[in-house]
Amino acid sequence: MTSSALQRPVLVDLVPGALARDTGAIGAGAALTGLSAQVSIHTGITPVPFTLQTLAVVLVGAALGSVRGVLSMALYLVAGGLGVPWFAGHASGFGGPSFGYLVGFVAAAALIGAAAERRADRRIWSAVTAMLGGGLLIYGIGMLWLKRDLDVDLRTSFDLGVRPFLISDALKLGLASLALPATWRLVGRVG
């Protein structure tokens, strides 16, 4: 048995054709994250833009599972780092104040994907817990990168890189926590 045979199915596993499906899903997850980055609002309160990326990352992680979710976010990170202009505001390259959050996307996809493999995405409260864990990983890695990039203390890094996003990210994570169980209920009715 392969390791994928031991995992419980996530949403993408409902699509037949493993190799083509997995390759397409990994690319589509990266592209979705790149598209969501283009919904970007820059403000004077933080050097990090407000985007829809967090919503894309948690959905990709849950729908693809841990391995494919990590590969999708790694593709997004590396391709953008090497010049694909799909970071916020059509930016690319390694570095800058937001780069730690992008690295955090990989870790969040791993955590949320692993939770989805344990069926956490099928119930609202367990989905909330998984999404919150992923969000905290993104914040933690992003905040530490921001501290280093701006050469500020942790308090300032929190004030610039976490506090402004708490409400909008709570809404995005809440939306994902409702959408995923609803999707599984719909799939159950159709399948």
N, C-alpha and C. Protein backbone atom coordinates (compact mmCIF):
# COMPACT_ATOMS: atom_id res chain seq x y z
N MET A 1 0.83 -1.19 0.00
CA MET A 1 0.00 0.00 0.00
C MET A 1 0.88 1.25 0.00
N THR A 2 0.49 2.22 -0.79
CA THR A 2 1.21 3.48 -0.79
C THR A 2 0.73 4.33 0.37
N SER A 3 1.49 5.39 0.66
CA SER A 3 1.09 6.26 1.76
C SER A 3 -0.23 6.95 1.47
N SER A 4 -0.53 7.25 0.19
CA SER A 4 -1.80 7.89 -0.12
C SER A 4 -2.97 6.94 0.09
N ALA A 5 -2.75 5.63 -0.03
CA ALA A 5 -3.81 4.67 0.21
C ALA A 5 -4.15 4.58 1.69
N LEU A 6 -3.21 4.94 2.55
CA LEU A 6 -3.45 4.90 3.98
C LEU A 6 -4.19 6.14 4.48
N GLN A 7 -4.15 7.23 3.73
CA GLN A 7 -4.80 8.47 4.15
C GLN A 7 -6.28 8.41 3.84
N ARG A 8 -7.06 9.07 4.65
CA ARG A 8 -8.47 9.20 4.35
C ARG A 8 -8.62 10.20 3.22
N PRO A 9 -9.65 10.08 2.41
CA PRO A 9 -9.78 10.99 1.28
C PRO A 9 -10.08 12.43 1.70
N VAL A 10 -9.53 13.35 0.93
CA VAL A 10 -9.89 14.75 1.02
C VAL A 10 -10.69 15.06 -0.24
N LEU A 11 -11.18 16.27 -0.39
CA LEU A 11 -12.07 16.58 -1.50
C LEU A 11 -11.49 16.22 -2.87
N VAL A 12 -10.23 16.53 -3.09
CA VAL A 12 -9.66 16.28 -4.42
C VAL A 12 -9.60 14.79 -4.75
N ASP A 13 -9.61 13.93 -3.76
CA ASP A 13 -9.56 12.49 -4.01
C ASP A 13 -10.84 11.97 -4.65
N LEU A 14 -11.89 12.76 -4.66
CA LEU A 14 -13.14 12.35 -5.28
C LEU A 14 -13.07 12.45 -6.80
N VAL A 15 -12.03 13.09 -7.32
CA VAL A 15 -11.83 13.22 -8.77
C VAL A 15 -10.96 12.05 -9.23
N PRO A 16 -11.37 11.34 -10.28
CA PRO A 16 -10.59 10.19 -10.75
C PRO A 16 -9.31 10.62 -11.49
N GLY A 17 -8.40 9.67 -11.69
CA GLY A 17 -7.18 9.92 -12.46
C GLY A 17 -6.08 10.52 -11.62
N ALA A 18 -5.47 9.74 -10.78
CA ALA A 18 -4.56 10.22 -9.74
C ALA A 18 -3.47 11.17 -10.22
N LEU A 19 -2.66 10.79 -11.19
CA LEU A 19 -1.53 11.61 -11.59
C LEU A 19 -1.98 12.93 -12.21
N ALA A 20 -2.87 12.86 -13.18
CA ALA A 20 -3.37 14.08 -13.82
C ALA A 20 -4.13 14.93 -12.82
N ARG A 21 -4.94 14.30 -11.99
CA ARG A 21 -5.70 15.02 -10.97
C ARG A 21 -4.78 15.73 -10.00
N ASP A 22 -3.79 15.02 -9.48
CA ASP A 22 -2.88 15.61 -8.50
C ASP A 22 -2.07 16.75 -9.10
N THR A 23 -1.55 16.54 -10.31
CA THR A 23 -0.77 17.58 -10.96
C THR A 23 -1.63 18.82 -11.21
N GLY A 24 -2.81 18.60 -11.74
CA GLY A 24 -3.73 19.72 -11.99
C GLY A 24 -4.15 20.42 -10.72
N ALA A 25 -4.42 19.66 -9.67
CA ALA A 25 -4.86 20.24 -8.40
C ALA A 25 -3.76 21.06 -7.76
N ILE A 26 -2.53 20.58 -7.83
CA ILE A 26 -1.40 21.33 -7.26
C ILE A 26 -1.22 22.65 -8.00
N GLY A 27 -1.25 22.60 -9.32
CA GLY A 27 -1.14 23.83 -10.11
C GLY A 27 -2.32 24.76 -9.90
N ALA A 28 -3.52 24.20 -9.84
CA ALA A 28 -4.72 25.02 -9.63
C ALA A 28 -4.70 25.68 -8.25
N GLY A 29 -4.23 24.97 -7.23
CA GLY A 29 -4.15 25.56 -5.89
C GLY A 29 -3.19 26.73 -5.86
N ALA A 30 -2.04 26.58 -6.53
CA ALA A 30 -1.07 27.68 -6.61
C ALA A 30 -1.66 28.85 -7.38
N ALA A 31 -2.35 28.56 -8.50
CA ALA A 31 -2.95 29.62 -9.30
C ALA A 31 -4.06 30.33 -8.53
N LEU A 32 -4.88 29.58 -7.80
CA LEU A 32 -5.93 30.20 -6.99
C LEU A 32 -5.33 31.15 -5.96
N THR A 33 -4.24 30.73 -5.34
CA THR A 33 -3.58 31.59 -4.36
C THR A 33 -3.02 32.84 -5.04
N GLY A 34 -2.44 32.66 -6.23
CA GLY A 34 -1.94 33.81 -6.98
C GLY A 34 -3.05 34.77 -7.38
N LEU A 35 -4.17 34.23 -7.81
CA LEU A 35 -5.32 35.09 -8.15
C LEU A 35 -5.85 35.81 -6.92
N SER A 36 -5.92 35.11 -5.81
CA SER A 36 -6.46 35.73 -4.58
C SER A 36 -5.53 36.83 -4.07
N ALA A 37 -4.25 36.74 -4.42
CA ALA A 37 -3.30 37.78 -4.02
C ALA A 37 -3.55 39.08 -4.76
N GLN A 38 -4.22 38.99 -5.91
CA GLN A 38 -4.47 40.20 -6.70
C GLN A 38 -5.61 41.03 -6.14
N VAL A 39 -6.40 40.45 -5.25
CA VAL A 39 -7.36 41.22 -4.48
C VAL A 39 -6.55 41.77 -3.32
N SER A 40 -5.95 42.92 -3.54
CA SER A 40 -4.91 43.43 -2.64
C SER A 40 -5.18 44.89 -2.28
N ILE A 41 -5.19 45.15 -0.99
CA ILE A 41 -5.39 46.52 -0.51
C ILE A 41 -4.20 46.90 0.35
N HIS A 42 -3.48 47.91 -0.08
CA HIS A 42 -2.34 48.43 0.69
C HIS A 42 -2.83 49.62 1.51
N THR A 43 -2.44 49.64 2.77
CA THR A 43 -2.84 50.73 3.66
C THR A 43 -1.60 51.32 4.33
N GLY A 44 -1.77 52.42 4.99
CA GLY A 44 -0.67 53.03 5.72
C GLY A 44 -0.45 52.44 7.10
N ILE A 45 -1.32 51.51 7.53
CA ILE A 45 -1.20 50.97 8.88
C ILE A 45 -0.29 49.75 8.96
N THR A 46 0.04 49.16 7.80
CA THR A 46 0.88 47.97 7.78
C THR A 46 1.60 47.88 6.44
N PRO A 47 2.84 47.38 6.43
CA PRO A 47 3.52 47.18 5.15
C PRO A 47 3.05 45.92 4.42
N VAL A 48 2.19 45.15 5.06
CA VAL A 48 1.67 43.91 4.49
C VAL A 48 0.27 44.19 3.95
N PRO A 49 0.02 43.88 2.68
CA PRO A 49 -1.30 44.18 2.12
C PRO A 49 -2.39 43.22 2.62
N PHE A 50 -3.61 43.70 2.61
CA PHE A 50 -4.77 42.86 2.86
C PHE A 50 -5.09 42.14 1.55
N THR A 51 -5.21 40.81 1.59
CA THR A 51 -5.52 40.03 0.39
C THR A 51 -6.51 38.93 0.75
N LEU A 52 -6.88 38.17 -0.25
CA LEU A 52 -7.72 36.98 -0.03
C LEU A 52 -6.88 35.70 0.03
N GLN A 53 -5.57 35.83 0.08
CA GLN A 53 -4.70 34.66 0.06
C GLN A 53 -4.97 33.69 1.20
N THR A 54 -5.20 34.20 2.40
CA THR A 54 -5.42 33.32 3.54
C THR A 54 -6.60 32.38 3.27
N LEU A 55 -7.66 32.91 2.70
CA LEU A 55 -8.82 32.09 2.36
C LEU A 55 -8.41 31.00 1.36
N ALA A 56 -7.66 31.38 0.34
CA ALA A 56 -7.22 30.40 -0.66
C ALA A 56 -6.35 29.32 -0.03
N VAL A 57 -5.43 29.72 0.81
CA VAL A 57 -4.49 28.76 1.42
C VAL A 57 -5.23 27.73 2.26
N VAL A 58 -6.16 28.16 3.09
CA VAL A 58 -6.86 27.19 3.95
C VAL A 58 -7.75 26.27 3.12
N LEU A 59 -8.37 26.79 2.07
CA LEU A 59 -9.19 25.95 1.22
C LEU A 59 -8.34 24.95 0.44
N VAL A 60 -7.21 25.41 -0.08
CA VAL A 60 -6.30 24.52 -0.81
C VAL A 60 -5.76 23.43 0.11
N GLY A 61 -5.33 23.81 1.29
CA GLY A 61 -4.81 22.82 2.24
C GLY A 61 -5.83 21.75 2.56
N ALA A 62 -7.06 22.18 2.83
CA ALA A 62 -8.11 21.21 3.19
C ALA A 62 -8.53 20.37 1.99
N ALA A 63 -8.67 20.97 0.83
CA ALA A 63 -9.15 20.24 -0.34
C ALA A 63 -8.10 19.29 -0.91
N LEU A 64 -6.81 19.64 -0.79
CA LEU A 64 -5.76 18.82 -1.38
C LEU A 64 -5.10 17.87 -0.39
N GLY A 65 -5.22 18.13 0.90
CA GLY A 65 -4.54 17.31 1.88
C GLY A 65 -3.13 17.82 2.12
N SER A 66 -2.44 17.20 3.04
CA SER A 66 -1.15 17.74 3.49
C SER A 66 -0.08 17.74 2.41
N VAL A 67 0.15 16.65 1.74
CA VAL A 67 1.25 16.57 0.77
C VAL A 67 0.99 17.46 -0.44
N ARG A 68 -0.17 17.29 -1.06
CA ARG A 68 -0.49 18.10 -2.24
C ARG A 68 -0.66 19.57 -1.88
N GLY A 69 -1.21 19.84 -0.69
CA GLY A 69 -1.34 21.23 -0.25
C GLY A 69 0.02 21.89 -0.09
N VAL A 70 0.96 21.17 0.52
CA VAL A 70 2.33 21.70 0.67
C VAL A 70 2.96 21.91 -0.71
N LEU A 71 2.81 20.94 -1.60
CA LEU A 71 3.39 21.08 -2.94
C LEU A 71 2.79 22.26 -3.68
N SER A 72 1.49 22.48 -3.52
CA SER A 72 0.83 23.60 -4.17
C SER A 72 1.35 24.95 -3.64
N MET A 73 1.45 25.07 -2.33
CA MET A 73 1.94 26.32 -1.75
C MET A 73 3.44 26.50 -2.01
N ALA A 74 4.19 25.40 -2.06
CA ALA A 74 5.61 25.50 -2.40
C ALA A 74 5.78 25.96 -3.85
N LEU A 75 4.93 25.45 -4.74
CA LEU A 75 4.95 25.90 -6.13
C LEU A 75 4.65 27.39 -6.21
N TYR A 76 3.64 27.83 -5.49
CA TYR A 76 3.30 29.26 -5.45
C TYR A 76 4.48 30.09 -4.97
N LEU A 77 5.09 29.66 -3.88
CA LEU A 77 6.20 30.38 -3.26
C LEU A 77 7.43 30.42 -4.18
N VAL A 78 7.84 29.29 -4.70
CA VAL A 78 9.05 29.21 -5.52
C VAL A 78 8.85 29.90 -6.86
N ALA A 79 7.71 29.64 -7.51
CA ALA A 79 7.47 30.29 -8.81
C ALA A 79 7.42 31.81 -8.66
N GLY A 80 6.74 32.29 -7.62
CA GLY A 80 6.70 33.72 -7.36
C GLY A 80 8.06 34.27 -7.01
N GLY A 81 8.82 33.52 -6.23
CA GLY A 81 10.17 33.94 -5.88
C GLY A 81 11.07 34.05 -7.10
N LEU A 82 10.84 33.17 -8.09
CA LEU A 82 11.66 33.16 -9.30
C LEU A 82 11.16 34.10 -10.39
N GLY A 83 10.05 34.79 -10.14
CA GLY A 83 9.64 35.81 -11.11
C GLY A 83 8.22 35.80 -11.60
N VAL A 84 7.43 34.76 -11.29
CA VAL A 84 6.02 34.79 -11.70
C VAL A 84 5.34 35.90 -10.89
N PRO A 85 4.74 36.88 -11.55
CA PRO A 85 4.19 38.04 -10.82
C PRO A 85 2.82 37.79 -10.20
N TRP A 86 2.76 36.81 -9.30
CA TRP A 86 1.46 36.49 -8.71
C TRP A 86 1.40 36.69 -7.21
N PHE A 87 2.39 37.37 -6.64
CA PHE A 87 2.25 37.82 -5.27
C PHE A 87 1.38 39.09 -5.28
N ALA A 88 1.00 39.59 -4.13
CA ALA A 88 0.12 40.75 -4.05
C ALA A 88 0.62 41.89 -4.92
N GLY A 89 -0.30 42.49 -5.68
CA GLY A 89 0.06 43.61 -6.54
C GLY A 89 0.95 43.22 -7.70
N HIS A 90 0.87 41.99 -8.16
CA HIS A 90 1.69 41.45 -9.26
C HIS A 90 3.18 41.46 -8.94
N ALA A 91 3.52 41.37 -7.67
CA ALA A 91 4.92 41.34 -7.26
C ALA A 91 5.48 39.93 -7.39
N SER A 92 6.80 39.85 -7.35
CA SER A 92 7.49 38.57 -7.34
C SER A 92 8.83 38.77 -6.64
N GLY A 93 9.55 37.68 -6.43
CA GLY A 93 10.88 37.75 -5.82
C GLY A 93 10.89 37.23 -4.40
N PHE A 94 12.07 36.85 -3.98
CA PHE A 94 12.27 36.37 -2.62
C PHE A 94 12.57 37.57 -1.72
N GLY A 95 11.81 37.73 -0.65
CA GLY A 95 12.08 38.80 0.31
C GLY A 95 10.96 39.81 0.39
N GLY A 96 11.19 40.82 1.22
CA GLY A 96 10.19 41.86 1.46
C GLY A 96 9.40 41.56 2.71
N PRO A 97 8.66 42.54 3.20
CA PRO A 97 7.93 42.39 4.46
C PRO A 97 6.91 41.26 4.48
N SER A 98 6.32 40.95 3.34
CA SER A 98 5.26 39.93 3.29
C SER A 98 5.77 38.52 3.10
N PHE A 99 7.05 38.35 2.80
CA PHE A 99 7.54 37.04 2.39
C PHE A 99 7.38 35.97 3.46
N GLY A 100 7.50 36.30 4.72
CA GLY A 100 7.33 35.32 5.79
C GLY A 100 5.93 34.74 5.82
N TYR A 101 4.94 35.55 5.47
CA TYR A 101 3.56 35.05 5.42
C TYR A 101 3.43 34.02 4.30
N LEU A 102 4.12 34.27 3.20
CA LEU A 102 4.09 33.32 2.08
C LEU A 102 4.73 32.00 2.47
N VAL A 103 5.81 32.06 3.23
CA VAL A 103 6.44 30.84 3.76
C VAL A 103 5.47 30.15 4.72
N GLY A 104 4.77 30.93 5.50
CA GLY A 104 3.78 30.39 6.43
C GLY A 104 2.65 29.66 5.72
N PHE A 105 2.36 30.04 4.47
CA PHE A 105 1.32 29.34 3.71
C PHE A 105 1.66 27.86 3.56
N VAL A 106 2.92 27.55 3.36
CA VAL A 106 3.34 26.15 3.18
C VAL A 106 3.07 25.37 4.47
N ALA A 107 3.46 25.94 5.60
CA ALA A 107 3.24 25.27 6.89
C ALA A 107 1.75 25.15 7.19
N ALA A 108 0.99 26.18 6.89
CA ALA A 108 -0.46 26.14 7.14
C ALA A 108 -1.13 25.08 6.29
N ALA A 109 -0.72 24.96 5.03
CA ALA A 109 -1.31 23.93 4.16
C ALA A 109 -1.02 22.54 4.70
N ALA A 110 0.17 22.35 5.25
CA ALA A 110 0.52 21.05 5.84
C ALA A 110 -0.39 20.74 7.02
N LEU A 111 -0.55 21.70 7.92
CA LEU A 111 -1.36 21.48 9.11
C LEU A 111 -2.83 21.28 8.77
N ILE A 112 -3.36 22.14 7.94
CA ILE A 112 -4.78 22.05 7.59
C ILE A 112 -5.04 20.80 6.75
N GLY A 113 -4.12 20.49 5.85
CA GLY A 113 -4.26 19.27 5.05
C GLY A 113 -4.27 18.03 5.91
N ALA A 114 -3.37 17.98 6.89
CA ALA A 114 -3.33 16.83 7.81
C ALA A 114 -4.63 16.74 8.61
N ALA A 115 -5.16 17.87 9.02
CA ALA A 115 -6.43 17.87 9.75
C ALA A 115 -7.57 17.39 8.85
N ALA A 116 -7.56 17.80 7.59
CA ALA A 116 -8.59 17.35 6.65
C ALA A 116 -8.49 15.85 6.41
N GLU A 117 -7.28 15.33 6.39
CA GLU A 117 -7.10 13.88 6.23
C GLU A 117 -7.67 13.11 7.42
N ARG A 118 -7.84 13.80 8.53
CA ARG A 118 -8.47 13.20 9.71
C ARG A 118 -9.94 13.62 9.83
N ARG A 119 -10.48 14.15 8.73
CA ARG A 119 -11.88 14.54 8.61
C ARG A 119 -12.27 15.78 9.40
N ALA A 120 -11.32 16.59 9.77
CA ALA A 120 -11.63 17.81 10.52
C ALA A 120 -12.40 18.82 9.68
N ASP A 121 -12.31 18.72 8.37
CA ASP A 121 -13.01 19.67 7.49
C ASP A 121 -14.47 19.30 7.27
N ARG A 122 -14.94 18.27 7.94
CA ARG A 122 -16.32 17.81 7.72
C ARG A 122 -17.30 18.29 8.79
N ARG A 123 -16.77 18.90 9.84
CA ARG A 123 -17.61 19.45 10.92
C ARG A 123 -17.14 20.88 11.19
N ILE A 124 -18.08 21.74 11.46
CA ILE A 124 -17.76 23.17 11.60
C ILE A 124 -16.72 23.41 12.69
N TRP A 125 -16.92 22.88 13.89
CA TRP A 125 -16.01 23.23 14.99
C TRP A 125 -14.62 22.65 14.81
N SER A 126 -14.52 21.46 14.26
CA SER A 126 -13.19 20.92 14.00
C SER A 126 -12.53 21.66 12.84
N ALA A 127 -13.33 22.11 11.88
CA ALA A 127 -12.78 22.93 10.79
C ALA A 127 -12.28 24.27 11.33
N VAL A 128 -13.03 24.87 12.24
CA VAL A 128 -12.60 26.13 12.86
C VAL A 128 -11.25 25.93 13.55
N THR A 129 -11.11 24.84 14.29
CA THR A 129 -9.85 24.56 14.99
C THR A 129 -8.70 24.41 14.00
N ALA A 130 -8.91 23.66 12.92
CA ALA A 130 -7.87 23.48 11.91
C ALA A 130 -7.50 24.80 11.25
N MET A 131 -8.51 25.58 10.89
CA MET A 131 -8.27 26.87 10.23
C MET A 131 -7.54 27.83 11.16
N LEU A 132 -7.92 27.82 12.41
CA LEU A 132 -7.27 28.69 13.40
C LEU A 132 -5.80 28.29 13.56
N GLY A 133 -5.54 27.00 13.64
CA GLY A 133 -4.15 26.54 13.73
C GLY A 133 -3.33 26.98 12.53
N GLY A 134 -3.90 26.84 11.33
CA GLY A 134 -3.21 27.28 10.13
C GLY A 134 -2.97 28.79 10.13
N GLY A 135 -3.98 29.53 10.55
CA GLY A 135 -3.84 30.98 10.63
C GLY A 135 -2.75 31.40 11.61
N LEU A 136 -2.67 30.71 12.74
CA LEU A 136 -1.63 31.02 13.72
C LEU A 136 -0.23 30.73 13.17
N LEU A 137 -0.10 29.66 12.40
CA LEU A 137 1.20 29.37 11.77
C LEU A 137 1.59 30.49 10.80
N ILE A 138 0.65 30.92 9.98
CA ILE A 138 0.92 32.01 9.04
C ILE A 138 1.35 33.26 9.79
N TYR A 139 0.60 33.62 10.83
CA TYR A 139 0.93 34.79 11.64
C TYR A 139 2.31 34.66 12.28
N GLY A 140 2.58 33.51 12.88
CA GLY A 140 3.84 33.33 13.60
C GLY A 140 5.05 33.46 12.69
N ILE A 141 5.02 32.76 11.57
CA ILE A 141 6.15 32.82 10.64
C ILE A 141 6.23 34.20 10.00
N GLY A 142 5.09 34.74 9.62
CA GLY A 142 5.07 36.08 9.02
C GLY A 142 5.57 37.15 9.95
N MET A 143 5.15 37.08 11.21
CA MET A 143 5.55 38.08 12.19
C MET A 143 7.05 38.02 12.46
N LEU A 144 7.60 36.82 12.54
CA LEU A 144 9.04 36.69 12.77
C LEU A 144 9.84 37.22 11.57
N TRP A 145 9.36 36.94 10.37
CA TRP A 145 10.02 37.47 9.18
C TRP A 145 9.94 39.00 9.16
N LEU A 146 8.75 39.52 9.46
CA LEU A 146 8.55 40.97 9.47
C LEU A 146 9.47 41.64 10.48
N LYS A 147 9.62 41.04 11.65
CA LYS A 147 10.53 41.56 12.68
C LYS A 147 11.93 41.69 12.12
N ARG A 148 12.38 40.63 11.44
CA ARG A 148 13.73 40.62 10.87
C ARG A 148 13.84 41.60 9.70
N ASP A 149 12.86 41.59 8.83
CA ASP A 149 12.91 42.42 7.62
C ASP A 149 12.89 43.92 7.96
N LEU A 150 12.08 44.30 8.93
CA LEU A 150 11.97 45.72 9.31
C LEU A 150 12.90 46.11 10.44
N ASP A 151 13.56 45.11 11.05
CA ASP A 151 14.43 45.35 12.21
C ASP A 151 13.68 46.08 13.33
N VAL A 152 12.56 45.44 13.73
CA VAL A 152 11.73 45.98 14.81
C VAL A 152 11.61 44.93 15.91
N ASP A 153 11.07 45.33 17.06
CA ASP A 153 10.87 44.37 18.14
C ASP A 153 9.60 43.55 17.88
N LEU A 154 9.40 42.50 18.68
CA LEU A 154 8.25 41.61 18.49
C LEU A 154 6.92 42.33 18.64
N ARG A 155 6.84 43.24 19.58
CA ARG A 155 5.59 43.98 19.80
C ARG A 155 5.22 44.78 18.55
N THR A 156 6.20 45.47 17.99
CA THR A 156 5.95 46.26 16.79
C THR A 156 5.60 45.34 15.61
N SER A 157 6.28 44.21 15.53
CA SER A 157 5.98 43.24 14.47
C SER A 157 4.54 42.74 14.61
N PHE A 158 4.10 42.47 15.82
CA PHE A 158 2.71 42.05 16.05
C PHE A 158 1.75 43.17 15.66
N ASP A 159 2.06 44.39 16.08
CA ASP A 159 1.18 45.53 15.79
C ASP A 159 1.07 45.81 14.29
N LEU A 160 2.13 45.54 13.55
CA LEU A 160 2.13 45.79 12.10
C LEU A 160 1.67 44.58 11.29
N GLY A 161 1.98 43.38 11.77
CA GLY A 161 1.77 42.20 10.95
C GLY A 161 0.70 41.24 11.38
N VAL A 162 0.09 41.47 12.53
CA VAL A 162 -0.97 40.57 12.99
C VAL A 162 -2.23 41.36 13.35
N ARG A 163 -2.10 42.31 14.25
CA ARG A 163 -3.27 43.04 14.75
C ARG A 163 -4.18 43.57 13.64
N PRO A 164 -3.65 44.20 12.59
CA PRO A 164 -4.56 44.75 11.57
C PRO A 164 -5.38 43.69 10.83
N PHE A 165 -4.94 42.43 10.87
CA PHE A 165 -5.56 41.38 10.07
C PHE A 165 -6.52 40.49 10.86
N LEU A 166 -6.62 40.68 12.16
CA LEU A 166 -7.38 39.75 12.99
C LEU A 166 -8.85 39.63 12.57
N ILE A 167 -9.49 40.75 12.32
CA ILE A 167 -10.92 40.70 11.96
C ILE A 167 -11.12 40.12 10.56
N SER A 168 -10.37 40.62 9.59
CA SER A 168 -10.57 40.13 8.22
C SER A 168 -10.19 38.65 8.10
N ASP A 169 -9.14 38.23 8.78
CA ASP A 169 -8.77 36.82 8.72
C ASP A 169 -9.77 35.94 9.47
N ALA A 170 -10.32 36.43 10.55
CA ALA A 170 -11.36 35.67 11.26
C ALA A 170 -12.55 35.43 10.34
N LEU A 171 -12.92 36.44 9.57
CA LEU A 171 -14.03 36.29 8.62
C LEU A 171 -13.69 35.27 7.54
N LYS A 172 -12.47 35.33 7.01
CA LYS A 172 -12.06 34.39 5.96
C LYS A 172 -12.00 32.96 6.50
N LEU A 173 -11.41 32.79 7.69
CA LEU A 173 -11.32 31.45 8.27
C LEU A 173 -12.70 30.92 8.63
N GLY A 174 -13.56 31.81 9.10
CA GLY A 174 -14.94 31.41 9.41
C GLY A 174 -15.69 30.97 8.16
N LEU A 175 -15.51 31.70 7.07
CA LEU A 175 -16.14 31.34 5.81
C LEU A 175 -15.67 29.96 5.35
N ALA A 176 -14.37 29.72 5.42
CA ALA A 176 -13.83 28.40 5.03
C ALA A 176 -14.37 27.31 5.95
N SER A 177 -14.49 27.60 7.23
CA SER A 177 -14.97 26.61 8.20
C SER A 177 -16.44 26.26 7.98
N LEU A 178 -17.19 27.14 7.36
CA LEU A 178 -18.57 26.84 6.99
C LEU A 178 -18.65 26.16 5.63
N ALA A 179 -17.81 26.62 4.69
CA ALA A 179 -17.88 26.12 3.32
C ALA A 179 -17.45 24.66 3.20
N LEU A 180 -16.41 24.29 3.92
CA LEU A 180 -15.91 22.92 3.77
C LEU A 180 -16.90 21.86 4.24
N PRO A 181 -17.46 21.97 5.46
CA PRO A 181 -18.47 20.97 5.84
C PRO A 181 -19.69 20.98 4.91
N ALA A 182 -20.09 22.16 4.45
CA ALA A 182 -21.22 22.25 3.52
C ALA A 182 -20.89 21.53 2.21
N THR A 183 -19.66 21.67 1.74
CA THR A 183 -19.24 20.98 0.52
C THR A 183 -19.29 19.47 0.71
N TRP A 184 -18.82 18.99 1.86
CA TRP A 184 -18.88 17.54 2.12
C TRP A 184 -20.33 17.06 2.19
N ARG A 185 -21.23 17.84 2.77
CA ARG A 185 -22.64 17.43 2.81
C ARG A 185 -23.21 17.36 1.38
N LEU A 186 -22.85 18.34 0.56
CA LEU A 186 -23.30 18.35 -0.83
C LEU A 186 -22.76 17.15 -1.59
N VAL A 187 -21.48 16.87 -1.41
CA VAL A 187 -20.86 15.71 -2.07
C VAL A 187 -21.55 14.42 -1.62
N GLY A 188 -21.89 14.34 -0.34
CA GLY A 188 -22.58 13.15 0.17
C GLY A 188 -23.94 12.97 -0.46
N ARG A 189 -24.64 14.06 -0.72
CA ARG A 189 -25.96 13.97 -1.37
C ARG A 189 -25.84 13.58 -2.82
N VAL A 190 -24.84 14.12 -3.49
CA VAL A 190 -24.65 13.84 -4.92
C VAL A 190 -24.09 12.45 -5.13
N GLY A 191 -23.10 12.06 -4.30
CA GLY A 191 -22.41 10.78 -4.47
C GLY A 191 -23.17 9.66 -3.85
